[in-house]
Amino acid sequence: MDPRYQDSSMKAEYLEMQKKANSSLIASAFLEYAAYFIIFLGFLYFLVIYLFPKF
């Protein structure tokens, strides 16, 4: 049998490589969204303390 012959019933095996995540990219994204969350909480605090009592 010719070694170059490929049987159509054979399935090709693929080596799956997991892409390594860049930890500094993840950390910077976390800090960005944490800052958004803190700003949002500050805005809610302002609404509750200063604006709601006036109504």
N, C-alpha and C. Protein backbone atom coordinates (compact mmCIF):
# COMPACT_ATOMS: atom_id res chain seq x y z
N MET A 1 0.85 -1.17 0.00
CA MET A 1 0.00 0.00 0.00
C MET A 1 0.89 1.24 0.00
N ASP A 2 0.51 2.20 -0.78
CA ASP A 2 1.26 3.45 -0.91
C ASP A 2 1.10 4.28 0.36
N PRO A 3 2.20 4.73 1.01
CA PRO A 3 2.06 5.52 2.24
C PRO A 3 1.41 6.88 2.02
N ARG A 4 1.40 7.35 0.78
CA ARG A 4 0.76 8.64 0.51
C ARG A 4 -0.75 8.51 0.35
N TYR A 5 -1.23 7.28 0.27
CA TYR A 5 -2.66 7.05 0.12
C TYR A 5 -3.38 7.38 1.41
N GLN A 6 -4.46 8.12 1.30
CA GLN A 6 -5.23 8.48 2.49
C GLN A 6 -6.62 7.87 2.36
N ASP A 7 -6.97 7.10 3.34
CA ASP A 7 -8.28 6.48 3.39
C ASP A 7 -9.31 7.54 3.76
N SER A 8 -10.40 7.61 3.02
CA SER A 8 -11.41 8.64 3.27
C SER A 8 -12.14 8.40 4.59
N SER A 9 -12.07 7.19 5.14
CA SER A 9 -12.76 6.94 6.40
C SER A 9 -11.92 7.35 7.60
N MET A 10 -10.65 7.66 7.38
CA MET A 10 -9.80 8.08 8.49
C MET A 10 -10.06 9.54 8.81
N LYS A 11 -10.16 9.84 10.07
CA LYS A 11 -10.39 11.22 10.48
C LYS A 11 -9.05 11.86 10.82
N ALA A 12 -8.91 13.08 10.40
CA ALA A 12 -7.68 13.81 10.70
C ALA A 12 -7.71 14.25 12.16
N GLU A 13 -6.57 14.14 12.78
CA GLU A 13 -6.46 14.57 14.17
C GLU A 13 -5.85 15.96 14.19
N TYR A 14 -6.49 16.83 14.93
CA TYR A 14 -6.00 18.20 15.04
C TYR A 14 -5.51 18.44 16.46
N LEU A 15 -4.38 19.03 16.57
CA LEU A 15 -3.83 19.38 17.87
C LEU A 15 -4.36 20.74 18.25
N GLU A 16 -5.12 20.75 19.32
CA GLU A 16 -5.70 22.01 19.77
C GLU A 16 -4.76 22.66 20.77
N MET A 17 -4.31 23.84 20.45
CA MET A 17 -3.43 24.59 21.33
C MET A 17 -4.28 25.64 22.04
N GLN A 18 -4.19 25.67 23.34
CA GLN A 18 -4.92 26.69 24.08
C GLN A 18 -4.10 27.97 24.05
N LYS A 19 -4.76 29.03 23.68
CA LYS A 19 -4.08 30.31 23.61
C LYS A 19 -3.90 30.85 25.02
N LYS A 20 -2.69 31.22 25.36
CA LYS A 20 -2.42 31.74 26.69
C LYS A 20 -2.92 33.18 26.76
N ALA A 21 -3.64 33.47 27.82
CA ALA A 21 -4.17 34.82 28.01
C ALA A 21 -3.08 35.71 28.58
N ASN A 22 -3.07 36.92 28.13
CA ASN A 22 -2.11 37.88 28.63
C ASN A 22 -2.64 38.41 29.96
N SER A 23 -1.95 38.12 31.04
CA SER A 23 -2.47 38.48 32.36
C SER A 23 -2.52 39.99 32.56
N SER A 24 -1.62 40.73 31.94
CA SER A 24 -1.66 42.19 32.11
C SER A 24 -2.87 42.77 31.39
N LEU A 25 -3.27 42.16 30.29
CA LEU A 25 -4.46 42.63 29.58
C LEU A 25 -5.71 42.37 30.41
N ILE A 26 -5.76 41.23 31.06
CA ILE A 26 -6.90 40.89 31.91
C ILE A 26 -6.95 41.83 33.11
N ALA A 27 -5.80 42.10 33.70
CA ALA A 27 -5.75 42.98 34.87
C ALA A 27 -6.17 44.40 34.51
N SER A 28 -5.74 44.89 33.35
CA SER A 28 -6.13 46.25 32.97
C SER A 28 -7.62 46.34 32.67
N ALA A 29 -8.19 45.30 32.08
CA ALA A 29 -9.63 45.29 31.83
C ALA A 29 -10.40 45.23 33.15
N PHE A 30 -9.91 44.46 34.10
CA PHE A 30 -10.56 44.39 35.41
C PHE A 30 -10.52 45.75 36.10
N LEU A 31 -9.40 46.42 36.06
CA LEU A 31 -9.30 47.73 36.70
C LEU A 31 -10.22 48.75 36.03
N GLU A 32 -10.33 48.65 34.72
CA GLU A 32 -11.21 49.57 34.00
C GLU A 32 -12.66 49.39 34.43
N TYR A 33 -13.14 48.16 34.44
CA TYR A 33 -14.53 47.92 34.82
C TYR A 33 -14.76 48.14 36.30
N ALA A 34 -13.75 47.91 37.13
CA ALA A 34 -13.89 48.21 38.56
C ALA A 34 -14.04 49.71 38.76
N ALA A 35 -13.31 50.51 37.99
CA ALA A 35 -13.45 51.97 38.08
C ALA A 35 -14.84 52.41 37.64
N TYR A 36 -15.36 51.82 36.56
CA TYR A 36 -16.72 52.14 36.13
C TYR A 36 -17.73 51.80 37.23
N PHE A 37 -17.54 50.68 37.87
CA PHE A 37 -18.46 50.24 38.92
C PHE A 37 -18.41 51.19 40.12
N ILE A 38 -17.23 51.62 40.51
CA ILE A 38 -17.08 52.54 41.63
C ILE A 38 -17.71 53.90 41.31
N ILE A 39 -17.53 54.36 40.08
CA ILE A 39 -18.16 55.62 39.66
C ILE A 39 -19.68 55.49 39.68
N PHE A 40 -20.18 54.36 39.23
CA PHE A 40 -21.62 54.11 39.25
C PHE A 40 -22.16 54.11 40.68
N LEU A 41 -21.44 53.46 41.60
CA LEU A 41 -21.87 53.46 43.00
C LEU A 41 -21.82 54.87 43.59
N GLY A 42 -20.83 55.66 43.22
CA GLY A 42 -20.77 57.04 43.69
C GLY A 42 -21.94 57.85 43.18
N PHE A 43 -22.34 57.64 41.95
CA PHE A 43 -23.49 58.33 41.38
C PHE A 43 -24.77 57.93 42.12
N LEU A 44 -24.93 56.64 42.39
CA LEU A 44 -26.10 56.19 43.15
C LEU A 44 -26.10 56.79 44.56
N TYR A 45 -24.96 56.86 45.20
CA TYR A 45 -24.84 57.46 46.53
C TYR A 45 -25.27 58.93 46.49
N PHE A 46 -24.83 59.63 45.47
CA PHE A 46 -25.22 61.04 45.31
C PHE A 46 -26.73 61.17 45.15
N LEU A 47 -27.33 60.30 44.35
CA LEU A 47 -28.78 60.36 44.16
C LEU A 47 -29.52 60.11 45.47
N VAL A 48 -29.10 59.11 46.21
CA VAL A 48 -29.82 58.74 47.42
C VAL A 48 -29.63 59.78 48.52
N ILE A 49 -28.46 60.29 48.69
CA ILE A 49 -28.17 61.21 49.80
C ILE A 49 -28.65 62.63 49.52
N TYR A 50 -28.45 63.12 48.30
CA TYR A 50 -28.71 64.54 48.04
C TYR A 50 -30.01 64.83 47.27
N LEU A 51 -30.36 63.98 46.34
CA LEU A 51 -31.53 64.30 45.52
C LEU A 51 -32.84 63.70 46.03
N PHE A 52 -32.85 62.48 46.48
CA PHE A 52 -34.10 61.86 46.92
C PHE A 52 -34.71 62.54 48.14
N PRO A 53 -33.94 63.03 49.10
CA PRO A 53 -34.58 63.70 50.25
C PRO A 53 -35.31 65.00 49.87
N LYS A 54 -34.98 65.58 48.73
CA LYS A 54 -35.62 66.84 48.33
C LYS A 54 -37.02 66.61 47.76
N PHE A 55 -37.39 65.38 47.48
CA PHE A 55 -38.71 65.11 46.90
C PHE A 55 -39.71 64.76 47.94
